Amino acid sequence: VDEVAAAFPPARPLEGTAPTRTRLLVEVPESGGPVPGSGAPVPYFVDFTWGLLQTATRRAPDPKDSNTGPDTRS
């Protein structure tokens, strides 16, 4: 868990879904930039059980965040 947090700063620790589980919110650079890993940061939830990586799920846009929400262009 600490190695992932150090590799993707600023990682935010979140409450796990069980006592033995840990969750981080990390930002991973998108691969669409001119140099691999130089794209815009994409947020992921990363779940661990007993310190072992279990899942990494892309975070859906939060409607409370600025500049997100439904596309109203026609």
N, C-alpha and C. Protein backbone atom coordinates (compact mmCIF):
# COMPACT_ATOMS: atom_id res chain seq x y z
N VAL A 1 0.84 -1.19 0.00
CA VAL A 1 0.00 0.00 0.00
C VAL A 1 0.88 1.25 0.00
N ASP A 2 1.90 1.26 0.84
CA ASP A 2 2.79 2.41 0.92
C ASP A 2 3.55 2.63 -0.39
N GLU A 3 3.93 1.55 -1.07
CA GLU A 3 4.65 1.67 -2.33
C GLU A 3 3.77 2.29 -3.41
N VAL A 4 2.50 1.91 -3.46
CA VAL A 4 1.57 2.50 -4.43
C VAL A 4 1.35 3.97 -4.11
N ALA A 5 1.17 4.29 -2.84
CA ALA A 5 0.97 5.68 -2.43
C ALA A 5 2.18 6.53 -2.80
N ALA A 6 3.38 5.98 -2.66
CA ALA A 6 4.59 6.73 -3.01
C ALA A 6 4.75 6.87 -4.52
N ALA A 7 4.29 5.88 -5.28
CA ALA A 7 4.45 5.91 -6.74
C ALA A 7 3.46 6.86 -7.41
N PHE A 8 2.32 7.12 -6.79
CA PHE A 8 1.29 7.96 -7.40
C PHE A 8 0.86 9.06 -6.44
N PRO A 9 1.78 10.00 -6.12
CA PRO A 9 1.38 11.09 -5.23
C PRO A 9 0.46 12.06 -5.96
N PRO A 10 -0.44 12.73 -5.36
CA PRO A 10 -0.80 12.61 -3.96
C PRO A 10 -1.90 11.57 -3.80
N ALA A 11 -1.60 10.41 -3.26
CA ALA A 11 -2.59 9.37 -2.99
C ALA A 11 -3.34 9.73 -1.71
N ARG A 12 -4.66 9.52 -1.74
CA ARG A 12 -5.48 9.82 -0.56
C ARG A 12 -5.98 8.52 0.04
N PRO A 13 -5.68 8.23 1.30
CA PRO A 13 -6.24 7.04 1.93
C PRO A 13 -7.73 7.24 2.20
N LEU A 14 -8.51 6.21 1.93
CA LEU A 14 -9.95 6.23 2.17
C LEU A 14 -10.31 5.08 3.09
N GLU A 15 -11.51 5.11 3.63
CA GLU A 15 -11.97 4.03 4.50
C GLU A 15 -12.19 2.78 3.67
N GLY A 16 -11.67 1.65 4.12
CA GLY A 16 -11.86 0.39 3.43
C GLY A 16 -13.27 -0.15 3.65
N THR A 17 -13.61 -1.21 2.91
CA THR A 17 -14.95 -1.78 3.02
C THR A 17 -15.03 -2.85 4.11
N ALA A 18 -13.91 -3.18 4.74
CA ALA A 18 -13.86 -4.14 5.84
C ALA A 18 -12.62 -3.83 6.67
N PRO A 19 -12.53 -4.36 7.89
CA PRO A 19 -11.37 -4.05 8.74
C PRO A 19 -10.01 -4.43 8.13
N THR A 20 -9.96 -5.47 7.31
CA THR A 20 -8.68 -5.90 6.72
C THR A 20 -8.43 -5.28 5.36
N ARG A 21 -9.28 -4.36 4.94
CA ARG A 21 -9.15 -3.77 3.60
C ARG A 21 -8.74 -2.31 3.69
N THR A 22 -7.95 -1.90 2.72
CA THR A 22 -7.49 -0.52 2.60
C THR A 22 -7.85 -0.02 1.22
N ARG A 23 -8.21 1.26 1.11
CA ARG A 23 -8.54 1.85 -0.19
C ARG A 23 -7.77 3.15 -0.34
N LEU A 24 -7.22 3.36 -1.53
CA LEU A 24 -6.54 4.61 -1.88
C LEU A 24 -7.24 5.23 -3.08
N LEU A 25 -7.21 6.54 -3.15
CA LEU A 25 -7.60 7.25 -4.36
C LEU A 25 -6.32 7.80 -4.95
N VAL A 26 -5.94 7.31 -6.14
CA VAL A 26 -4.70 7.73 -6.78
C VAL A 26 -5.02 8.33 -8.15
N GLU A 27 -4.12 9.15 -8.66
CA GLU A 27 -4.26 9.71 -10.00
C GLU A 27 -3.16 9.13 -10.87
N VAL A 28 -3.57 8.43 -11.95
CA VAL A 28 -2.65 7.77 -12.86
C VAL A 28 -2.63 8.57 -14.16
N PRO A 29 -1.45 8.93 -14.68
CA PRO A 29 -1.40 9.67 -15.94
C PRO A 29 -1.97 8.85 -17.09
N GLU A 30 -2.80 9.48 -17.92
CA GLU A 30 -3.35 8.83 -19.10
C GLU A 30 -2.23 8.55 -20.08
N SER A 31 -2.40 7.55 -20.91
CA SER A 31 -1.35 7.18 -21.85
C SER A 31 -1.45 7.94 -23.17
N GLY A 32 -2.37 8.89 -23.30
CA GLY A 32 -2.59 9.56 -24.56
C GLY A 32 -1.64 10.71 -24.88
N GLY A 33 -0.68 11.00 -24.03
CA GLY A 33 0.24 12.10 -24.27
C GLY A 33 1.34 11.73 -25.24
N PRO A 34 2.18 12.69 -25.64
CA PRO A 34 3.27 12.42 -26.57
C PRO A 34 4.32 11.48 -25.99
N VAL A 35 4.47 11.50 -24.68
CA VAL A 35 5.39 10.61 -23.98
C VAL A 35 4.53 9.69 -23.12
N PRO A 36 4.80 8.36 -23.10
CA PRO A 36 3.97 7.48 -22.28
C PRO A 36 3.85 7.98 -20.84
N GLY A 37 2.61 8.03 -20.37
CA GLY A 37 2.36 8.48 -19.00
C GLY A 37 2.34 9.98 -18.83
N SER A 38 2.33 10.74 -19.94
CA SER A 38 2.36 12.20 -19.82
C SER A 38 1.00 12.85 -20.00
N GLY A 39 -0.06 12.05 -20.12
CA GLY A 39 -1.39 12.59 -20.33
C GLY A 39 -1.99 13.14 -19.05
N ALA A 40 -3.25 13.53 -19.14
CA ALA A 40 -3.96 14.10 -17.99
C ALA A 40 -4.14 13.04 -16.91
N PRO A 41 -4.12 13.43 -15.64
CA PRO A 41 -4.31 12.45 -14.57
C PRO A 41 -5.74 11.92 -14.53
N VAL A 42 -5.87 10.62 -14.31
CA VAL A 42 -7.16 9.95 -14.23
C VAL A 42 -7.28 9.33 -12.83
N PRO A 43 -8.37 9.64 -12.09
CA PRO A 43 -8.49 9.10 -10.73
C PRO A 43 -8.94 7.63 -10.72
N TYR A 44 -8.30 6.85 -9.85
CA TYR A 44 -8.63 5.44 -9.67
C TYR A 44 -8.78 5.14 -8.18
N PHE A 45 -9.77 4.29 -7.86
CA PHE A 45 -9.86 3.70 -6.53
C PHE A 45 -9.04 2.42 -6.58
N VAL A 46 -8.12 2.24 -5.63
CA VAL A 46 -7.28 1.05 -5.58
C VAL A 46 -7.54 0.37 -4.24
N ASP A 47 -7.97 -0.90 -4.30
CA ASP A 47 -8.33 -1.65 -3.10
C ASP A 47 -7.30 -2.72 -2.79
N PHE A 48 -6.99 -2.86 -1.50
CA PHE A 48 -6.02 -3.84 -1.01
C PHE A 48 -6.67 -4.66 0.10
N THR A 49 -6.31 -5.94 0.19
CA THR A 49 -6.68 -6.79 1.31
C THR A 49 -5.40 -7.36 1.89
N TRP A 50 -5.19 -7.16 3.18
CA TRP A 50 -3.96 -7.57 3.85
C TRP A 50 -2.74 -7.05 3.11
N GLY A 51 -2.83 -5.86 2.53
CA GLY A 51 -1.70 -5.24 1.84
C GLY A 51 -1.49 -5.70 0.42
N LEU A 52 -2.32 -6.62 -0.09
CA LEU A 52 -2.18 -7.12 -1.46
C LEU A 52 -3.20 -6.46 -2.36
N LEU A 53 -2.76 -6.01 -3.53
CA LEU A 53 -3.64 -5.35 -4.49
C LEU A 53 -4.76 -6.29 -4.91
N GLN A 54 -6.00 -5.81 -4.84
CA GLN A 54 -7.17 -6.59 -5.26
C GLN A 54 -7.78 -6.02 -6.53
N THR A 55 -8.13 -4.74 -6.53
CA THR A 55 -8.77 -4.12 -7.69
C THR A 55 -8.28 -2.69 -7.87
N ALA A 56 -8.37 -2.22 -9.10
CA ALA A 56 -8.14 -0.81 -9.45
C ALA A 56 -9.30 -0.42 -10.36
N THR A 57 -10.13 0.51 -9.91
CA THR A 57 -11.34 0.89 -10.63
C THR A 57 -11.30 2.37 -10.95
N ARG A 58 -11.53 2.71 -12.22
CA ARG A 58 -11.56 4.12 -12.60
C ARG A 58 -12.72 4.81 -11.91
N ARG A 59 -12.44 5.94 -11.30
CA ARG A 59 -13.47 6.70 -10.58
C ARG A 59 -14.36 7.42 -11.58
N ALA A 60 -15.66 7.30 -11.40
CA ALA A 60 -16.61 8.01 -12.25
C ALA A 60 -16.57 9.50 -11.89
N PRO A 61 -16.83 10.38 -12.85
CA PRO A 61 -16.85 11.82 -12.53
C PRO A 61 -17.88 12.12 -11.45
N ASP A 62 -17.51 12.97 -10.53
CA ASP A 62 -18.40 13.37 -9.44
C ASP A 62 -19.15 14.62 -9.88
N PRO A 63 -20.50 14.58 -9.90
CA PRO A 63 -21.25 15.76 -10.35
C PRO A 63 -21.00 17.00 -9.49
N LYS A 64 -20.46 16.82 -8.26
CA LYS A 64 -20.16 17.97 -7.41
C LYS A 64 -18.85 18.63 -7.82
N ASP A 65 -18.00 17.91 -8.58
CA ASP A 65 -16.76 18.51 -9.05
C ASP A 65 -17.07 19.55 -10.12
N SER A 66 -16.22 20.55 -10.25
CA SER A 66 -16.45 21.57 -11.27
C SER A 66 -16.20 20.98 -12.65
N ASN A 67 -16.88 21.53 -13.63
CA ASN A 67 -16.73 21.16 -15.04
C ASN A 67 -17.09 19.70 -15.32
N THR A 68 -17.97 19.11 -14.54
CA THR A 68 -18.46 17.78 -14.84
C THR A 68 -19.97 17.82 -14.88
N GLY A 69 -20.55 16.79 -15.40
CA GLY A 69 -21.99 16.71 -15.51
C GLY A 69 -22.38 16.28 -16.90
N PRO A 70 -23.66 16.25 -17.19
CA PRO A 70 -24.10 15.79 -18.51
C PRO A 70 -23.66 16.75 -19.61
N ASP A 71 -23.42 16.19 -20.77
CA ASP A 71 -23.05 16.99 -21.94
C ASP A 71 -24.32 17.63 -22.49
N THR A 72 -24.38 18.94 -22.48
CA THR A 72 -25.58 19.65 -22.94
C THR A 72 -25.44 20.19 -24.35
N ARG A 73 -24.33 19.85 -25.02
CA ARG A 73 -24.16 20.31 -26.40
C ARG A 73 -25.11 19.56 -27.32
N SER A 74 -25.60 20.23 -28.35
CA SER A 74 -26.51 19.57 -29.31
C SER A 74 -25.86 19.46 -30.66
